[in-house]
Amino acid sequence: MSIRLTGMASGLDTDSMVKELVSAYSTKLTSYEKQKTKLEWKQEAWQELNTKVYGFYSGSLDSLRRASAFTSKRNVTVSDSTKAKISAGSGAAAGIQTVEIKSLAKAAYLTGDEIHMSKVGAKADSSTTMGELGISGTKTLTFSIGKNTEDHLVVPKDVEIKDTDKISDVLEKIKNETGLSASFDKGTQRFILHAETGEKNDFSVSGDAADIMGLDVANGAQKQDGSDSKIIVNGATFISDSNTLNIGGLTIDALGVTDTALTINVSSDTDGIYNMVKSFFKDYNELINTMTKGYNAESAKDYEPLTDEEKDEMSDTEVEKWEKKIKDSLFRRDEQIQSIMSVLSNSIMSGIEIDGKTYHLSDFGIESMGITYSAENEQNAYHIDGDAEDKLTSSKADKLKELINTNPDLVQKFFNKLADKVHDSLHTKMTSTSLRSAYTVYNDKEMKNEMKNIKQNITDWEKKVKNYEDKWYDKFAQMEKAMTQLQAKTQSLTSLLGGSN
């Protein structure tokens, strides 16, 4: 930064004079700087609003358009919960159903007889070798897994047991080569084998190592055979290797055999569905009210962003109020805001055809109150009749809840289709164009280009102001130089004249 010493000869306030001379250029520069500030505020406001719109689009709106959002909300009661645990998911039909549990699926389980080491009084553990249990050389365990049928012939599987193998090695061999779970209980000195539930996973053990390892059923080992469950649902019989059955949206966990059929009552979760719809309109109302308030904001045409000099002349509170006035008016009568509001309101108030009949939100006790009865800037919001939390409609009959109870399928179809329509309309509005990016409801690309141009104008005018200032400072410097030279000559002449006297 250059240091200028001005007015030394002339006594003039050169800085003030130059400032006045370049004021027209400076005013233009200040105008661009204010435009930049205001555009930055507007970009921030749009980014915040766009986040709200996209949050609504991908949140409660997207959930409402899915059938599973309704069908997953089912209440289930069981006449005897000690016999079965039953839950209802997507696709579970409402109504009374019956379940009989004739048998439970069991896992094949073999508890070996107590083994005895060749060394009297010794106890085996995982590091004990099979030789110490009495196996010499190589012996065999033969496993037959499954059941012979017309389509499947069981092929026995031999597992070699060597005298040098540790118990831990043998357990690993059985697991890897047969798929059975195998363990050794050190406390009871027994081998234990078991499979998954079901008849197809049943197994038997034989071979010359079986007796030595206590796995021979004929010599003390205890075996529980694997079996299937038999569950009758609404008269239809289902055989399974599991005690969990998924059918028609119901998940049945069998816990015990029944003497008589269980009664299952599947009903719509009225409160769950009601609260989901209510939550959707809460989000919708917050969004539409925000836009309505912005669009109807008071004018701030006489307000512009403040310069640093202007801020210095005001208190912090005054500056805050001034800037809030401008920020609150950024969406006033904005065409893009109006367009988004139109997309939302037109799609949500449209009729939905179901089974040849057209329905509207009013048929479900949901309406907007209009300017006459609504609070300021809330005329586009929707209210649910009978909503205890809404003072405008709490006294009315709750038609929505009644329809959820009496005709849940109609409620589901209507709101699925309505949400689809609103979703599709917003999706189209957020499609990428030359002016805006994807999933954006405002012309962000256009605003970026506008900001780029303003920044370039500021750079250009900063140069112009600097050049114009330099021009005038140069002229005043030349004047100062001339006056200094004139003063020097005058002093010299005065000195000569005085000397001649």
Protein backbone atom coordinates (compact mmCIF):
# COMPACT_ATOMS: atom_id res chain seq x y z
CA MET A 1 0.00 0.00 0.00
CA SER A 2 1.45 3.33 -1.08
CA ILE A 3 1.72 6.23 1.42
CA ARG A 4 0.71 9.59 0.03
CA LEU A 5 1.71 12.92 1.63
CA THR A 6 -0.69 15.40 0.10
CA GLY A 7 -1.52 19.11 0.51
CA MET A 8 1.94 20.00 1.80
CA ALA A 9 2.31 23.01 -0.48
CA SER A 10 -1.31 23.88 -1.26
CA GLY A 11 -2.82 23.17 2.15
CA LEU A 12 -5.72 21.42 0.43
CA ASP A 13 -7.50 18.32 1.84
CA THR A 14 -6.55 16.29 -1.20
CA ASP A 15 -7.95 12.98 0.14
CA SER A 16 -11.42 14.46 0.60
CA MET A 17 -11.30 16.08 -2.82
CA VAL A 18 -10.24 12.84 -4.53
CA LYS A 19 -12.95 10.94 -2.65
CA GLU A 20 -15.55 13.38 -3.96
CA LEU A 21 -14.19 13.23 -7.49
CA VAL A 22 -14.36 9.41 -7.61
CA SER A 23 -17.61 9.17 -5.63
CA ALA A 24 -19.65 8.21 -8.69
CA TYR A 25 -17.33 5.25 -9.33
CA SER A 26 -17.32 4.29 -5.62
CA THR A 27 -21.11 4.41 -5.48
CA LYS A 28 -21.29 1.96 -8.37
CA LEU A 29 -18.82 -0.34 -6.62
CA THR A 30 -20.81 -0.15 -3.38
CA SER A 31 -23.97 -1.01 -5.32
CA TYR A 32 -22.39 -4.19 -6.65
CA GLU A 33 -21.11 -5.13 -3.17
CA LYS A 34 -24.63 -4.76 -1.77
CA GLN A 35 -26.00 -6.87 -4.62
CA LYS A 36 -23.47 -9.54 -3.74
CA THR A 37 -24.47 -9.53 -0.06
CA LYS A 38 -28.17 -9.73 -0.86
CA LEU A 39 -27.63 -12.57 -3.35
CA GLU A 40 -25.59 -14.47 -0.75
CA TRP A 41 -28.50 -14.15 1.68
CA LYS A 42 -30.90 -15.34 -0.96
CA GLN A 43 -28.73 -18.35 -1.82
CA GLU A 44 -28.61 -19.31 1.87
CA ALA A 45 -32.40 -18.92 2.19
CA TRP A 46 -33.02 -21.09 -0.87
CA GLN A 47 -30.58 -23.76 0.29
CA GLU A 48 -32.38 -23.93 3.64
CA LEU A 49 -35.81 -24.15 1.98
CA ASN A 50 -34.59 -26.72 -0.55
CA THR A 51 -33.37 -28.90 2.34
CA LYS A 52 -36.87 -28.75 3.85
CA VAL A 53 -38.54 -29.60 0.53
CA TYR A 54 -36.23 -32.55 -0.12
CA GLY A 55 -36.63 -33.73 3.48
CA PHE A 56 -40.40 -33.80 2.99
CA TYR A 57 -40.03 -35.47 -0.44
CA SER A 58 -37.75 -38.25 0.80
CA GLY A 59 -39.28 -38.54 4.28
CA SER A 60 -42.94 -38.62 5.27
CA LEU A 61 -44.15 -38.22 1.66
CA ASP A 62 -42.09 -41.18 0.45
CA SER A 63 -43.26 -43.31 3.40
CA LEU A 64 -46.94 -42.55 2.83
CA ARG A 65 -46.83 -43.73 -0.77
CA ARG A 66 -45.74 -47.25 0.23
CA ALA A 67 -48.37 -49.91 0.88
CA SER A 68 -46.11 -51.49 3.50
CA ALA A 69 -46.42 -48.33 5.60
CA PHE A 70 -50.06 -49.31 6.17
CA THR A 71 -49.99 -53.11 6.05
CA SER A 72 -47.09 -53.24 8.51
CA LYS A 73 -49.28 -51.55 11.08
CA ARG A 74 -51.25 -54.53 12.37
CA ASN A 75 -52.26 -55.51 15.88
CA VAL A 76 -52.28 -59.24 16.70
CA THR A 77 -53.89 -61.01 19.63
CA VAL A 78 -53.47 -64.75 20.36
CA SER A 79 -55.90 -66.76 22.48
CA ASP A 80 -52.99 -68.54 24.20
CA SER A 81 -49.67 -66.73 23.98
CA THR A 82 -47.88 -69.59 25.75
CA LYS A 83 -48.39 -71.79 22.67
CA ALA A 84 -47.40 -69.36 19.94
CA LYS A 85 -45.92 -65.94 19.39
CA ILE A 86 -47.44 -64.33 16.29
CA SER A 87 -46.67 -61.03 14.58
CA ALA A 88 -48.21 -59.50 11.48
CA GLY A 89 -46.19 -57.84 8.75
CA SER A 90 -46.75 -56.55 5.25
CA GLY A 91 -49.63 -58.35 3.56
CA ALA A 92 -51.23 -59.77 6.68
CA ALA A 93 -54.99 -59.78 6.20
CA ALA A 94 -57.14 -58.29 8.93
CA GLY A 95 -59.61 -60.66 10.56
CA ILE A 96 -59.89 -63.85 12.60
CA GLN A 97 -57.61 -66.78 11.78
CA THR A 98 -56.90 -70.13 13.44
CA VAL A 99 -53.65 -71.91 14.19
CA GLU A 100 -53.12 -75.45 15.47
CA ILE A 101 -49.70 -76.75 16.47
CA LYS A 102 -49.68 -80.53 16.17
CA SER A 103 -45.96 -81.01 16.74
CA LEU A 104 -42.80 -79.00 17.25
CA ALA A 105 -39.64 -79.31 15.23
CA LYS A 106 -36.87 -80.86 17.28
CA ALA A 107 -33.15 -81.10 16.75
CA ALA A 108 -31.38 -84.47 16.65
CA TYR A 109 -29.32 -84.57 19.86
CA LEU A 110 -26.88 -87.26 20.97
CA THR A 111 -25.53 -87.20 24.52
CA GLY A 112 -22.69 -89.68 24.83
CA ASP A 113 -22.09 -92.05 27.70
CA GLU A 114 -19.37 -91.14 30.19
CA ILE A 115 -15.92 -92.00 28.87
CA HIS A 116 -13.12 -93.51 30.95
CA MET A 117 -9.43 -92.92 30.40
CA SER A 118 -6.99 -95.79 30.39
CA LYS A 119 -5.30 -94.16 33.37
CA VAL A 120 -7.46 -94.79 36.41
CA GLY A 121 -8.82 -91.63 38.05
CA ALA A 122 -7.67 -89.29 35.26
CA LYS A 123 -10.05 -86.79 33.68
CA ALA A 124 -10.04 -85.97 29.98
CA ASP A 125 -9.99 -82.46 28.54
CA SER A 126 -9.61 -80.95 25.07
CA SER A 127 -5.88 -81.74 24.98
CA THR A 128 -6.35 -85.43 25.83
CA THR A 129 -5.36 -87.75 22.98
CA MET A 130 -7.66 -90.44 21.65
CA GLY A 131 -4.95 -92.97 22.49
CA GLU A 132 -5.40 -92.07 26.15
CA LEU A 133 -9.11 -92.93 25.75
CA GLY A 134 -8.25 -96.39 24.47
CA ILE A 135 -8.09 -95.94 20.69
CA SER A 136 -5.11 -97.59 19.05
CA GLY A 137 -4.05 -96.85 15.50
CA THR A 138 -6.92 -95.52 13.35
CA LYS A 139 -10.61 -96.04 14.05
CA THR A 140 -13.73 -94.79 12.30
CA LEU A 141 -16.93 -92.89 13.16
CA THR A 142 -19.62 -93.40 10.50
CA PHE A 143 -22.35 -90.74 10.24
CA SER A 144 -25.63 -91.13 8.38
CA ILE A 145 -27.36 -87.76 8.09
CA GLY A 146 -30.90 -87.32 6.82
CA LYS A 147 -33.62 -89.75 5.83
CA ASN A 148 -33.81 -92.12 2.88
CA THR A 149 -36.61 -91.16 0.47
CA GLU A 150 -37.52 -91.94 -3.10
CA ASP A 151 -35.65 -88.82 -4.20
CA HIS A 152 -32.75 -88.97 -1.78
CA LEU A 153 -30.49 -91.81 -0.67
CA VAL A 154 -28.40 -91.16 2.45
CA VAL A 155 -24.68 -91.74 1.86
CA PRO A 156 -22.76 -92.55 5.08
CA LYS A 157 -19.76 -90.35 5.89
CA ASP A 158 -16.67 -91.80 7.56
CA VAL A 159 -14.54 -89.70 9.89
CA GLU A 160 -11.11 -91.14 10.76
CA ILE A 161 -10.08 -91.02 14.39
CA LYS A 162 -6.37 -91.49 15.09
CA ASP A 163 -4.81 -92.34 18.40
CA THR A 164 -2.62 -89.22 18.12
CA ASP A 165 -5.64 -86.92 17.64
CA LYS A 166 -6.53 -84.69 20.55
CA ILE A 167 -10.18 -84.39 21.57
CA SER A 168 -10.16 -80.84 20.14
CA ASP A 169 -8.90 -82.25 16.81
CA VAL A 170 -11.71 -84.83 16.71
CA LEU A 171 -14.38 -82.20 17.45
CA GLU A 172 -13.05 -80.07 14.60
CA LYS A 173 -13.06 -83.05 12.20
CA ILE A 174 -16.69 -83.86 13.00
CA LYS A 175 -17.78 -80.23 12.49
CA ASN A 176 -15.88 -79.79 9.22
CA GLU A 177 -16.71 -83.17 7.66
CA THR A 178 -20.34 -83.63 8.73
CA GLY A 179 -21.68 -80.16 9.54
CA LEU A 180 -22.86 -81.32 12.97
CA SER A 181 -22.12 -79.37 16.12
CA ALA A 182 -19.77 -81.30 18.40
CA SER A 183 -18.52 -80.53 21.89
CA PHE A 184 -16.96 -82.23 24.91
CA ASP A 185 -18.30 -81.61 28.41
CA LYS A 186 -15.34 -81.80 30.76
CA GLY A 187 -17.55 -81.90 33.86
CA THR A 188 -19.57 -84.94 32.83
CA GLN A 189 -16.86 -86.47 30.61
CA ARG A 190 -19.23 -86.85 27.65
CA PHE A 191 -19.20 -86.10 23.96
CA ILE A 192 -22.29 -84.20 22.74
CA LEU A 193 -23.44 -84.00 19.13
CA HIS A 194 -26.42 -82.10 17.74
CA ALA A 195 -27.88 -80.87 14.46
CA GLU A 196 -30.33 -78.24 13.28
CA THR A 197 -34.05 -78.86 13.85
CA GLY A 198 -35.95 -81.04 11.42
CA GLU A 199 -36.21 -84.60 10.24
CA LYS A 200 -33.89 -83.94 7.30
CA ASN A 201 -31.10 -83.10 9.75
CA ASP A 202 -31.51 -86.24 11.87
CA PHE A 203 -28.38 -88.42 12.16
CA SER A 204 -27.02 -91.69 13.48
CA VAL A 205 -23.50 -92.69 14.53
CA SER A 206 -21.77 -96.04 14.21
CA GLY A 207 -18.25 -97.38 13.64
CA ASP A 208 -15.51 -98.96 15.72
CA ALA A 209 -14.71 -95.69 17.50
CA ALA A 210 -18.31 -95.04 18.60
CA ASP A 211 -18.32 -97.31 21.67
CA ILE A 212 -14.91 -96.11 22.89
CA MET A 213 -16.11 -92.49 22.63
CA GLY A 214 -19.39 -93.30 24.38
CA LEU A 215 -21.45 -92.57 21.23
CA ASP A 216 -23.03 -96.01 20.82
CA VAL A 217 -26.78 -95.80 21.56
CA ALA A 218 -26.83 -99.51 22.34
CA ASN A 219 -24.28 -99.01 25.13
CA GLY A 220 -25.49 -96.00 27.11
CA ALA A 221 -25.60 -93.01 24.72
CA GLN A 222 -28.90 -91.10 24.70
CA LYS A 223 -30.41 -89.94 21.40
CA GLN A 224 -33.24 -87.53 20.60
CA ASP A 225 -34.40 -87.89 17.01
CA GLY A 226 -34.80 -84.87 14.76
CA SER A 227 -38.40 -84.16 13.79
CA ASP A 228 -40.49 -81.63 11.83
CA SER A 229 -43.12 -79.25 13.04
CA LYS A 230 -46.72 -79.66 11.91
CA ILE A 231 -48.73 -76.44 11.97
CA ILE A 232 -52.27 -76.03 10.65
CA VAL A 233 -53.20 -72.47 9.61
CA ASN A 234 -56.83 -71.86 8.70
CA GLY A 235 -57.21 -75.55 7.90
CA ALA A 236 -54.09 -75.82 5.70
CA THR A 237 -51.31 -78.09 6.99
CA PHE A 238 -47.66 -77.01 6.84
CA ILE A 239 -44.74 -79.34 7.57
CA SER A 240 -41.44 -77.64 8.31
CA ASP A 241 -38.03 -78.32 9.79
CA SER A 242 -38.40 -75.08 11.75
CA ASN A 243 -40.74 -73.89 14.49
CA THR A 244 -41.08 -70.54 12.71
CA LEU A 245 -43.55 -70.29 9.85
CA ASN A 246 -44.07 -67.26 7.60
CA ILE A 247 -47.36 -67.32 5.74
CA GLY A 248 -49.73 -64.66 4.46
CA GLY A 249 -47.86 -61.86 6.23
CA LEU A 250 -47.98 -63.69 9.58
CA THR A 251 -44.87 -64.87 11.38
CA ILE A 252 -45.76 -67.79 13.64
CA ASP A 253 -43.26 -68.89 16.28
CA ALA A 254 -44.56 -72.20 17.64
CA LEU A 255 -43.87 -72.60 21.38
CA GLY A 256 -45.94 -75.64 22.33
CA VAL A 257 -48.37 -78.26 21.06
CA THR A 258 -52.03 -77.16 21.22
CA ASP A 259 -55.04 -79.19 22.33
CA THR A 260 -57.46 -76.91 20.50
CA ALA A 261 -57.03 -74.37 17.74
CA LEU A 262 -55.65 -70.97 18.69
CA THR A 263 -57.69 -67.93 17.69
CA ILE A 264 -55.65 -65.20 16.02
CA ASN A 265 -57.19 -61.73 15.64
CA VAL A 266 -55.39 -59.46 13.18
CA SER A 267 -56.62 -55.88 13.12
CA SER A 268 -55.43 -52.56 11.75
CA ASP A 269 -53.38 -50.44 14.11
CA THR A 270 -55.80 -47.51 14.00
CA ASP A 271 -53.63 -45.19 16.06
CA GLY A 272 -50.49 -46.13 14.12
CA ILE A 273 -52.08 -45.37 10.75
CA TYR A 274 -53.79 -42.23 12.06
CA ASN A 275 -50.55 -40.88 13.51
CA MET A 276 -48.69 -41.62 10.27
CA VAL A 277 -51.22 -39.60 8.24
CA LYS A 278 -51.21 -36.86 10.88
CA SER A 279 -47.40 -36.72 10.83
CA PHE A 280 -47.47 -36.36 7.05
CA PHE A 281 -49.78 -33.34 7.23
CA LYS A 282 -47.72 -31.84 10.04
CA ASP A 283 -44.67 -31.90 7.75
CA TYR A 284 -46.70 -30.67 4.78
CA ASN A 285 -48.18 -27.79 6.78
CA GLU A 286 -44.81 -26.67 8.12
CA LEU A 287 -43.44 -26.59 4.59
CA ILE A 288 -46.38 -24.84 2.92
CA ASN A 289 -46.70 -22.33 5.78
CA THR A 290 -43.02 -21.41 5.48
CA MET A 291 -43.43 -20.72 1.77
CA THR A 292 -46.72 -18.86 2.24
CA LYS A 293 -45.12 -16.61 4.86
CA GLY A 294 -42.14 -15.91 2.60
CA TYR A 295 -44.33 -15.17 -0.40
CA ASN A 296 -46.59 -12.80 1.58
CA ALA A 297 -43.75 -11.03 3.39
CA GLU A 298 -43.77 -7.24 3.73
CA SER A 299 -41.85 -5.27 1.17
CA ALA A 300 -38.33 -4.08 2.01
CA LYS A 301 -37.76 -2.05 -1.15
CA ASP A 302 -36.27 0.87 0.80
CA TYR A 303 -33.79 -1.40 2.59
CA GLU A 304 -30.39 -2.40 1.23
CA PRO A 305 -27.50 -4.25 2.89
CA LEU A 306 -25.42 -1.88 5.01
CA THR A 307 -21.84 -0.89 4.35
CA ASP A 308 -19.31 -1.06 7.17
CA GLU A 309 -19.48 2.75 7.49
CA GLU A 310 -23.28 2.63 7.79
CA LYS A 311 -23.09 -0.12 10.43
CA ASP A 312 -20.68 1.96 12.50
CA GLU A 313 -23.36 4.66 12.78
CA MET A 314 -25.95 2.18 14.14
CA SER A 315 -26.26 -0.02 17.23
CA ASP A 316 -25.95 -3.81 16.94
CA THR A 317 -29.69 -4.15 17.59
CA GLU A 318 -30.51 -1.66 14.84
CA VAL A 319 -28.24 -3.49 12.39
CA GLU A 320 -29.85 -6.84 13.28
CA LYS A 321 -33.39 -5.48 12.76
CA TRP A 322 -32.37 -3.83 9.49
CA GLU A 323 -30.86 -7.01 8.05
CA LYS A 324 -33.78 -9.15 9.32
CA LYS A 325 -36.18 -6.90 7.45
CA ILE A 326 -34.33 -7.63 4.20
CA LYS A 327 -33.90 -11.37 4.84
CA ASP A 328 -37.58 -11.80 5.70
CA SER A 329 -38.57 -10.26 2.36
CA LEU A 330 -36.27 -12.31 0.10
CA PHE A 331 -39.14 -14.59 -1.09
CA ARG A 332 -41.75 -11.85 -1.39
CA ARG A 333 -43.85 -12.44 -4.52
CA ASP A 334 -41.14 -14.82 -5.77
CA GLU A 335 -42.30 -16.70 -8.88
CA GLN A 336 -40.33 -19.82 -7.99
CA ILE A 337 -41.92 -19.97 -4.54
CA GLN A 338 -45.34 -19.53 -6.11
CA SER A 339 -44.59 -22.33 -8.57
CA ILE A 340 -43.61 -24.80 -5.82
CA MET A 341 -46.69 -23.91 -3.77
CA SER A 342 -48.88 -24.47 -6.82
CA VAL A 343 -47.31 -27.88 -7.48
CA LEU A 344 -47.97 -28.96 -3.91
CA SER A 345 -51.47 -27.53 -3.52
CA ASN A 346 -52.74 -28.66 -6.94
CA SER A 347 -51.54 -32.23 -6.49
CA ILE A 348 -52.72 -32.64 -2.92
CA MET A 349 -56.22 -31.29 -3.55
CA SER A 350 -56.76 -33.39 -6.68
CA GLY A 351 -59.25 -36.23 -6.81
CA ILE A 352 -58.16 -39.87 -6.51
CA GLU A 353 -60.14 -42.56 -8.33
CA ILE A 354 -60.59 -45.85 -6.48
CA ASP A 355 -62.79 -48.63 -7.86
CA GLY A 356 -64.58 -46.21 -10.21
CA LYS A 357 -65.27 -43.54 -7.57
CA THR A 358 -63.38 -40.28 -7.06
CA TYR A 359 -62.36 -39.31 -3.54
CA HIS A 360 -60.89 -36.09 -2.11
CA LEU A 361 -59.25 -35.30 1.22
CA SER A 362 -62.55 -33.85 2.42
CA ASP A 363 -64.07 -37.34 2.20
CA PHE A 364 -61.64 -38.33 4.95
CA GLY A 365 -62.35 -35.28 7.12
CA ILE A 366 -59.24 -33.38 6.03
CA GLU A 367 -59.56 -29.81 4.70
CA SER A 368 -57.85 -26.43 4.55
CA MET A 369 -59.58 -23.63 6.44
CA GLY A 370 -58.94 -20.80 3.97
CA ILE A 371 -58.06 -17.21 4.81
CA THR A 372 -61.23 -16.56 6.83
CA TYR A 373 -60.64 -19.09 9.60
CA SER A 374 -56.88 -19.68 9.45
CA ALA A 375 -54.08 -17.96 11.30
CA GLU A 376 -51.95 -15.55 9.29
CA ASN A 377 -50.10 -17.29 6.43
CA GLU A 378 -51.67 -20.68 7.29
CA GLN A 379 -54.53 -20.63 4.80
CA ASN A 380 -52.93 -23.41 2.72
CA ALA A 381 -52.47 -25.80 5.66
CA TYR A 382 -54.69 -28.86 6.17
CA HIS A 383 -56.57 -29.83 9.31
CA ILE A 384 -57.94 -33.23 10.41
CA ASP A 385 -61.46 -33.22 11.82
CA GLY A 386 -61.53 -34.42 15.41
CA ASP A 387 -57.80 -33.90 15.99
CA ALA A 388 -57.62 -33.23 19.73
CA GLU A 389 -54.50 -31.09 19.26
CA ASP A 390 -56.12 -28.80 16.67
CA LYS A 391 -58.37 -26.17 18.26
CA LEU A 392 -59.95 -25.38 14.88
CA THR A 393 -61.29 -28.90 14.26
CA SER A 394 -61.13 -30.77 17.57
CA SER A 395 -64.89 -30.52 18.08
CA LYS A 396 -65.73 -32.18 14.75
CA ALA A 397 -66.41 -35.88 14.20
CA ASP A 398 -63.24 -37.88 13.52
CA LYS A 399 -64.06 -39.21 10.06
CA LEU A 400 -60.47 -40.33 9.34
CA LYS A 401 -60.22 -42.58 12.39
CA GLU A 402 -63.66 -44.00 11.68
CA LEU A 403 -62.67 -44.94 8.13
CA ILE A 404 -59.42 -46.51 9.32
CA ASN A 405 -61.52 -48.75 11.56
CA THR A 406 -64.29 -49.55 9.08
CA ASN A 407 -62.54 -49.43 5.70
CA PRO A 408 -58.73 -49.57 6.13
CA ASP A 409 -58.21 -50.73 2.52
CA LEU A 410 -59.84 -47.55 1.18
CA VAL A 411 -57.69 -45.39 3.45
CA GLN A 412 -54.56 -47.19 2.32
CA LYS A 413 -55.36 -46.97 -1.40
CA PHE A 414 -56.33 -43.30 -1.23
CA PHE A 415 -53.25 -42.09 0.63
CA ASN A 416 -50.89 -44.31 -1.36
CA LYS A 417 -52.20 -42.83 -4.61
CA LEU A 418 -52.35 -39.28 -3.27
CA ALA A 419 -48.77 -39.47 -2.00
CA ASP A 420 -47.71 -40.91 -5.37
CA LYS A 421 -49.26 -37.93 -7.15
CA VAL A 422 -47.60 -35.35 -4.87
CA HIS A 423 -44.29 -37.24 -5.07
CA ASP A 424 -44.36 -37.36 -8.88
CA SER A 425 -45.21 -33.66 -9.10
CA LEU A 426 -42.34 -32.68 -6.83
CA HIS A 427 -39.99 -35.05 -8.64
CA THR A 428 -40.78 -33.31 -11.93
CA LYS A 429 -40.24 -29.95 -10.26
CA MET A 430 -36.82 -31.06 -9.01
CA THR A 431 -35.62 -32.44 -12.35
CA SER A 432 -32.30 -31.02 -13.50
CA THR A 433 -32.38 -28.28 -16.16
CA SER A 434 -29.93 -25.74 -17.54
CA LEU A 435 -30.97 -23.42 -14.68
CA ARG A 436 -31.09 -25.83 -11.72
CA SER A 437 -29.45 -28.99 -10.41
CA ALA A 438 -31.19 -32.31 -9.77
CA TYR A 439 -33.34 -32.51 -6.62
CA THR A 440 -33.37 -28.73 -6.44
CA VAL A 441 -36.49 -26.57 -6.57
CA TYR A 442 -34.78 -23.25 -7.33
CA ASN A 443 -32.50 -22.03 -10.09
CA ASP A 444 -29.22 -22.60 -8.28
CA LYS A 445 -27.16 -22.72 -11.47
CA GLU A 446 -28.58 -19.38 -12.60
CA MET A 447 -27.83 -17.83 -9.20
CA LYS A 448 -24.25 -19.12 -9.31
CA ASN A 449 -23.74 -17.47 -12.69
CA GLU A 450 -25.32 -14.27 -11.38
CA MET A 451 -22.95 -14.32 -8.42
CA LYS A 452 -20.01 -14.91 -10.74
CA ASN A 453 -20.98 -11.86 -12.81
CA ILE A 454 -21.40 -9.67 -9.75
CA LYS A 455 -18.00 -10.69 -8.41
CA GLN A 456 -16.45 -9.87 -11.79
CA ASN A 457 -18.18 -6.47 -11.80
CA ILE A 458 -16.80 -5.79 -8.32
CA THR A 459 -13.29 -6.68 -9.47
CA ASP A 460 -13.64 -4.47 -12.56
CA TRP A 461 -14.97 -1.50 -10.61
CA GLU A 462 -12.34 -1.85 -7.91
CA LYS A 463 -9.77 -1.41 -10.67
CA LYS A 464 -11.66 1.55 -12.10
CA VAL A 465 -11.86 3.27 -8.71
CA LYS A 466 -8.16 2.61 -8.11
CA ASN A 467 -7.17 3.93 -11.54
CA TYR A 468 -9.37 7.00 -11.19
CA GLU A 469 -7.97 7.70 -7.72
CA ASP A 470 -4.41 7.32 -9.04
CA LYS A 471 -5.22 9.69 -11.89
CA TRP A 472 -6.42 12.47 -9.56
CA TYR A 473 -3.71 11.92 -6.99
CA ASP A 474 -1.20 12.24 -9.84
CA LYS A 475 -2.78 15.52 -10.96
CA PHE A 476 -2.71 16.92 -7.42
CA ALA A 477 0.85 15.73 -7.01
CA GLN A 478 1.85 17.62 -10.13
CA MET A 479 0.05 20.70 -8.81
CA GLU A 480 1.86 20.36 -5.47
CA LYS A 481 5.14 20.04 -7.31
CA ALA A 482 4.45 23.17 -9.37
CA MET A 483 3.41 25.12 -6.27
CA THR A 484 6.51 23.98 -4.42
CA GLN A 485 8.71 25.13 -7.28
CA LEU A 486 6.85 28.47 -7.45
CA GLN A 487 7.25 28.96 -3.72
CA ALA A 488 10.97 28.23 -4.01
CA LYS A 489 11.40 30.79 -6.80
CA THR A 490 9.38 33.35 -4.89
CA GLN A 491 11.49 32.87 -1.80
CA SER A 492 14.65 33.15 -3.89
CA LEU A 493 13.46 36.37 -5.53
CA THR A 494 12.45 37.81 -2.20
CA SER A 495 15.85 36.99 -0.82
CA LEU A 496 17.61 38.74 -3.76
CA LEU A 497 15.45 41.82 -3.46
CA GLY A 498 16.02 42.00 0.23
CA GLY A 499 19.76 41.63 -0.21
CA SER A 500 19.97 44.61 -2.60
CA ASN A 501 18.70 46.93 0.13
